[in-house]
Each structure stands twice: as structure tokens, then as C-alpha cells.
Amino acid sequence: MSKPWAKAPSPCIGVCKFRAEGDACIGCFMTKPEKKRFKRLDKKPKKKAFFRALVARLTERGRLSRWERVYRRKCDKKAVPCPLDRI
């Protein structure tokens, strides 16, 4: 059985544009510190919690559907299971 959390790609979708210092990226809505922190997450519960919080933020701002579509395509390109199916 594959482990979607072990190989979960970064939620970054390659837009990486910030309007102001401390703001979230307009593509993935992660801040710069969150992008760095994701790379260090190694346990399933931590990654799962990170994705849940990000999905909630994207939903709140009405950006979930676009981000999810691009992120799923990223997972497909990397040939890894999409962790969104497990949160």
C-alpha cells in the first residue's frame, strides 16, 4: 500500500507571488515560513494537520477549487497518490 503522506509534494503550485511582506502567496496561500516548515514535516499527523489547515484557509478565501485542480495535476505528474484524498 502506498503512503500518500510520506511522498506528499509541497502544496506550493509554482505561482510564488507575494503582495506584501508577511502575506500569503497568491497561488497556494502559504506564507514563506509555512513553505519552509512544510519541507521539515516528517510525520503523518503533522502533514495531515498542515493540509487540513491549508484547505480550510483556501476554502475560506474561495480559492480551493483552483488550487486543488493544480495540486492534483502536480501529484499526477510526480506519480504519487494525492494526499487530499486522505484528509
N, C-alpha and C. Protein backbone atom coordinates (compact mmCIF):
# COMPACT_ATOMS: atom_id res chain seq x y z
N MET A 1 0.83 -1.18 0.00
CA MET A 1 0.00 0.00 0.00
C MET A 1 0.88 1.25 0.00
N SER A 2 0.54 2.21 -0.83
CA SER A 2 1.34 3.43 -0.91
C SER A 2 1.04 4.33 0.28
N LYS A 3 1.99 5.17 0.60
CA LYS A 3 1.85 6.09 1.73
C LYS A 3 1.80 7.52 1.19
N PRO A 4 0.60 8.07 1.00
CA PRO A 4 0.49 9.39 0.40
C PRO A 4 1.15 10.49 1.23
N TRP A 5 1.25 10.31 2.52
CA TRP A 5 1.81 11.36 3.35
C TRP A 5 3.33 11.40 3.27
N ALA A 6 3.96 10.26 3.08
CA ALA A 6 5.42 10.21 3.03
C ALA A 6 5.96 10.95 1.82
N LYS A 7 5.27 10.83 0.70
CA LYS A 7 5.76 11.43 -0.54
C LYS A 7 4.93 12.62 -0.99
N ALA A 8 4.14 13.17 -0.09
CA ALA A 8 3.28 14.29 -0.44
C ALA A 8 4.11 15.47 -0.94
N PRO A 9 3.86 15.91 -2.17
CA PRO A 9 4.59 17.08 -2.67
C PRO A 9 4.16 18.33 -1.90
N SER A 10 4.99 19.31 -1.94
CA SER A 10 4.68 20.58 -1.31
C SER A 10 3.36 21.12 -1.87
N PRO A 11 2.57 21.77 -1.03
CA PRO A 11 1.32 22.37 -1.51
C PRO A 11 1.55 23.55 -2.46
N CYS A 12 2.80 23.99 -2.58
CA CYS A 12 3.13 25.08 -3.50
C CYS A 12 2.80 24.64 -4.93
N ILE A 13 2.12 25.52 -5.67
CA ILE A 13 1.75 25.18 -7.05
C ILE A 13 2.55 25.98 -8.08
N GLY A 14 3.64 26.60 -7.63
CA GLY A 14 4.56 27.24 -8.56
C GLY A 14 4.23 28.67 -8.95
N VAL A 15 3.32 29.31 -8.27
CA VAL A 15 3.00 30.70 -8.59
C VAL A 15 3.97 31.62 -7.84
N CYS A 16 4.09 31.43 -6.55
CA CYS A 16 5.06 32.12 -5.69
C CYS A 16 5.10 33.63 -5.87
N LYS A 17 3.98 34.27 -5.65
CA LYS A 17 3.90 35.73 -5.69
C LYS A 17 3.28 36.22 -4.39
N PHE A 18 3.96 37.15 -3.78
CA PHE A 18 3.52 37.73 -2.52
C PHE A 18 3.24 39.21 -2.74
N ARG A 19 2.11 39.67 -2.26
CA ARG A 19 1.75 41.08 -2.44
C ARG A 19 2.50 41.99 -1.48
N ALA A 20 2.71 41.53 -0.26
CA ALA A 20 3.41 42.32 0.76
C ALA A 20 4.17 41.38 1.68
N GLU A 21 5.13 41.92 2.37
CA GLU A 21 5.91 41.11 3.31
C GLU A 21 4.99 40.51 4.37
N GLY A 22 5.11 39.22 4.60
CA GLY A 22 4.28 38.55 5.59
C GLY A 22 2.96 38.03 5.04
N ASP A 23 2.62 38.43 3.83
CA ASP A 23 1.39 37.95 3.21
C ASP A 23 1.56 36.53 2.71
N ALA A 24 0.44 35.91 2.42
CA ALA A 24 0.46 34.57 1.85
C ALA A 24 0.61 34.66 0.33
N CYS A 25 1.17 33.62 -0.25
CA CYS A 25 1.32 33.52 -1.70
C CYS A 25 -0.06 33.53 -2.35
N ILE A 26 -0.18 34.15 -3.51
CA ILE A 26 -1.48 34.21 -4.17
C ILE A 26 -1.84 32.88 -4.85
N GLY A 27 -0.90 31.96 -4.96
CA GLY A 27 -1.17 30.67 -5.58
C GLY A 27 -1.61 29.61 -4.59
N CYS A 28 -0.85 29.45 -3.51
CA CYS A 28 -1.12 28.38 -2.55
C CYS A 28 -1.59 28.90 -1.19
N PHE A 29 -1.51 30.20 -0.99
CA PHE A 29 -1.92 30.85 0.26
C PHE A 29 -1.08 30.40 1.46
N MET A 30 0.15 29.97 1.21
CA MET A 30 1.08 29.70 2.30
C MET A 30 1.99 30.91 2.45
N THR A 31 2.42 31.17 3.67
CA THR A 31 3.41 32.22 3.90
C THR A 31 4.80 31.63 3.64
N LYS A 32 5.79 32.48 3.54
CA LYS A 32 7.16 31.98 3.33
C LYS A 32 7.60 31.05 4.47
N PRO A 33 7.34 31.40 5.73
CA PRO A 33 7.72 30.47 6.81
C PRO A 33 6.99 29.12 6.72
N GLU A 34 5.73 29.14 6.28
CA GLU A 34 4.99 27.87 6.14
C GLU A 34 5.59 27.01 5.04
N LYS A 35 6.03 27.64 3.96
CA LYS A 35 6.66 26.88 2.87
C LYS A 35 7.92 26.19 3.37
N LYS A 36 8.70 26.88 4.18
CA LYS A 36 9.91 26.28 4.75
C LYS A 36 9.57 25.18 5.75
N ARG A 37 8.55 25.44 6.56
CA ARG A 37 8.16 24.47 7.59
C ARG A 37 7.66 23.17 6.96
N PHE A 38 6.93 23.25 5.85
CA PHE A 38 6.40 22.04 5.22
C PHE A 38 7.53 21.08 4.85
N LYS A 39 8.64 21.61 4.39
CA LYS A 39 9.77 20.77 3.99
C LYS A 39 10.32 19.95 5.16
N ARG A 40 10.13 20.45 6.38
CA ARG A 40 10.66 19.77 7.56
C ARG A 40 9.65 18.83 8.22
N LEU A 41 8.43 18.84 7.76
CA LEU A 41 7.42 17.95 8.36
C LEU A 41 7.70 16.52 7.92
N ASP A 42 7.81 15.63 8.89
CA ASP A 42 8.15 14.25 8.54
C ASP A 42 7.13 13.23 9.04
N LYS A 43 6.25 13.63 9.88
CA LYS A 43 5.27 12.69 10.44
C LYS A 43 3.89 12.89 9.81
N LYS A 44 3.20 11.79 9.60
CA LYS A 44 1.87 11.83 9.00
C LYS A 44 0.92 12.79 9.70
N PRO A 45 0.79 12.76 11.04
CA PRO A 45 -0.17 13.67 11.70
C PRO A 45 0.15 15.15 11.45
N LYS A 46 1.43 15.48 11.40
CA LYS A 46 1.82 16.88 11.17
C LYS A 46 1.48 17.32 9.75
N LYS A 47 1.78 16.47 8.78
CA LYS A 47 1.46 16.82 7.39
C LYS A 47 -0.06 16.88 7.19
N LYS A 48 -0.75 15.95 7.76
CA LYS A 48 -2.20 15.91 7.64
C LYS A 48 -2.81 17.19 8.22
N ALA A 49 -2.34 17.59 9.40
CA ALA A 49 -2.83 18.82 10.03
C ALA A 49 -2.50 20.04 9.18
N PHE A 50 -1.32 20.05 8.59
CA PHE A 50 -0.91 21.16 7.73
C PHE A 50 -1.86 21.28 6.54
N PHE A 51 -2.13 20.15 5.88
CA PHE A 51 -3.03 20.16 4.72
C PHE A 51 -4.45 20.57 5.13
N ARG A 52 -4.92 20.09 6.27
CA ARG A 52 -6.27 20.46 6.73
C ARG A 52 -6.37 21.97 6.94
N ALA A 53 -5.38 22.54 7.59
CA ALA A 53 -5.39 23.98 7.84
C ALA A 53 -5.33 24.76 6.53
N LEU A 54 -4.50 24.29 5.60
CA LEU A 54 -4.38 24.98 4.31
C LEU A 54 -5.68 24.88 3.52
N VAL A 55 -6.29 23.71 3.49
CA VAL A 55 -7.56 23.54 2.78
C VAL A 55 -8.64 24.43 3.39
N ALA A 56 -8.65 24.54 4.70
CA ALA A 56 -9.63 25.43 5.36
C ALA A 56 -9.40 26.88 4.95
N ARG A 57 -8.15 27.29 4.91
CA ARG A 57 -7.81 28.67 4.51
C ARG A 57 -8.21 28.93 3.06
N LEU A 58 -7.91 27.99 2.19
CA LEU A 58 -8.26 28.14 0.78
C LEU A 58 -9.78 28.17 0.59
N THR A 59 -10.48 27.35 1.34
CA THR A 59 -11.94 27.32 1.27
C THR A 59 -12.52 28.66 1.72
N GLU A 60 -11.99 29.17 2.82
CA GLU A 60 -12.45 30.44 3.37
C GLU A 60 -12.28 31.59 2.37
N ARG A 61 -11.22 31.52 1.59
CA ARG A 61 -10.94 32.59 0.63
C ARG A 61 -11.47 32.30 -0.77
N GLY A 62 -12.19 31.20 -0.91
CA GLY A 62 -12.80 30.87 -2.20
C GLY A 62 -11.81 30.45 -3.27
N ARG A 63 -10.67 29.90 -2.87
CA ARG A 63 -9.63 29.53 -3.84
C ARG A 63 -9.34 28.03 -3.89
N LEU A 64 -10.12 27.25 -3.16
CA LEU A 64 -9.83 25.82 -3.06
C LEU A 64 -9.90 25.10 -4.40
N SER A 65 -10.92 25.33 -5.19
CA SER A 65 -11.10 24.54 -6.41
C SER A 65 -9.94 24.72 -7.39
N ARG A 66 -9.47 25.94 -7.57
CA ARG A 66 -8.36 26.17 -8.50
C ARG A 66 -7.09 25.51 -7.97
N TRP A 67 -6.77 25.77 -6.69
CA TRP A 67 -5.56 25.20 -6.11
C TRP A 67 -5.61 23.67 -6.15
N GLU A 68 -6.76 23.10 -5.79
CA GLU A 68 -6.88 21.64 -5.75
C GLU A 68 -6.65 21.03 -7.13
N ARG A 69 -7.20 21.65 -8.15
CA ARG A 69 -7.04 21.14 -9.52
C ARG A 69 -5.55 21.13 -9.91
N VAL A 70 -4.85 22.22 -9.63
CA VAL A 70 -3.44 22.32 -9.98
C VAL A 70 -2.60 21.37 -9.12
N TYR A 71 -2.93 21.26 -7.84
CA TYR A 71 -2.17 20.39 -6.95
C TYR A 71 -2.35 18.92 -7.35
N ARG A 72 -3.56 18.52 -7.70
CA ARG A 72 -3.78 17.14 -8.13
C ARG A 72 -2.98 16.84 -9.40
N ARG A 73 -2.91 17.80 -10.30
CA ARG A 73 -2.12 17.62 -11.52
C ARG A 73 -0.64 17.45 -11.15
N LYS A 74 -0.17 18.21 -10.16
CA LYS A 74 1.22 18.10 -9.69
C LYS A 74 1.48 16.69 -9.15
N CYS A 75 0.56 16.17 -8.35
CA CYS A 75 0.70 14.80 -7.81
C CYS A 75 0.73 13.77 -8.94
N ASP A 76 -0.14 13.94 -9.92
CA ASP A 76 -0.17 13.02 -11.06
C ASP A 76 1.16 13.04 -11.82
N LYS A 77 1.70 14.24 -12.06
CA LYS A 77 2.97 14.36 -12.77
C LYS A 77 4.10 13.67 -12.01
N LYS A 78 4.05 13.75 -10.69
CA LYS A 78 5.09 13.11 -9.86
C LYS A 78 4.78 11.64 -9.60
N ALA A 79 3.65 11.17 -10.08
CA ALA A 79 3.21 9.78 -9.91
C ALA A 79 3.14 9.36 -8.45
N VAL A 80 2.57 10.24 -7.62
CA VAL A 80 2.38 9.94 -6.21
C VAL A 80 0.89 10.09 -5.88
N PRO A 81 0.41 9.35 -4.90
CA PRO A 81 -1.00 9.50 -4.51
C PRO A 81 -1.26 10.89 -3.93
N CYS A 82 -2.37 11.44 -4.26
CA CYS A 82 -2.70 12.78 -3.78
C CYS A 82 -3.16 12.70 -2.32
N PRO A 83 -2.49 13.41 -1.42
CA PRO A 83 -2.87 13.36 -0.01
C PRO A 83 -4.23 13.97 0.26
N LEU A 84 -4.77 14.74 -0.67
CA LEU A 84 -6.08 15.34 -0.46
C LEU A 84 -7.18 14.30 -0.37
N ASP A 85 -6.90 13.12 -0.91
CA ASP A 85 -7.90 12.03 -0.84
C ASP A 85 -7.93 11.40 0.54
N ARG A 86 -7.01 11.78 1.42
CA ARG A 86 -6.91 11.16 2.74
C ARG A 86 -7.14 12.12 3.90
N ILE A 87 -7.55 13.37 3.61
CA ILE A 87 -7.74 14.30 4.74
C ILE A 87 -9.16 14.46 5.13
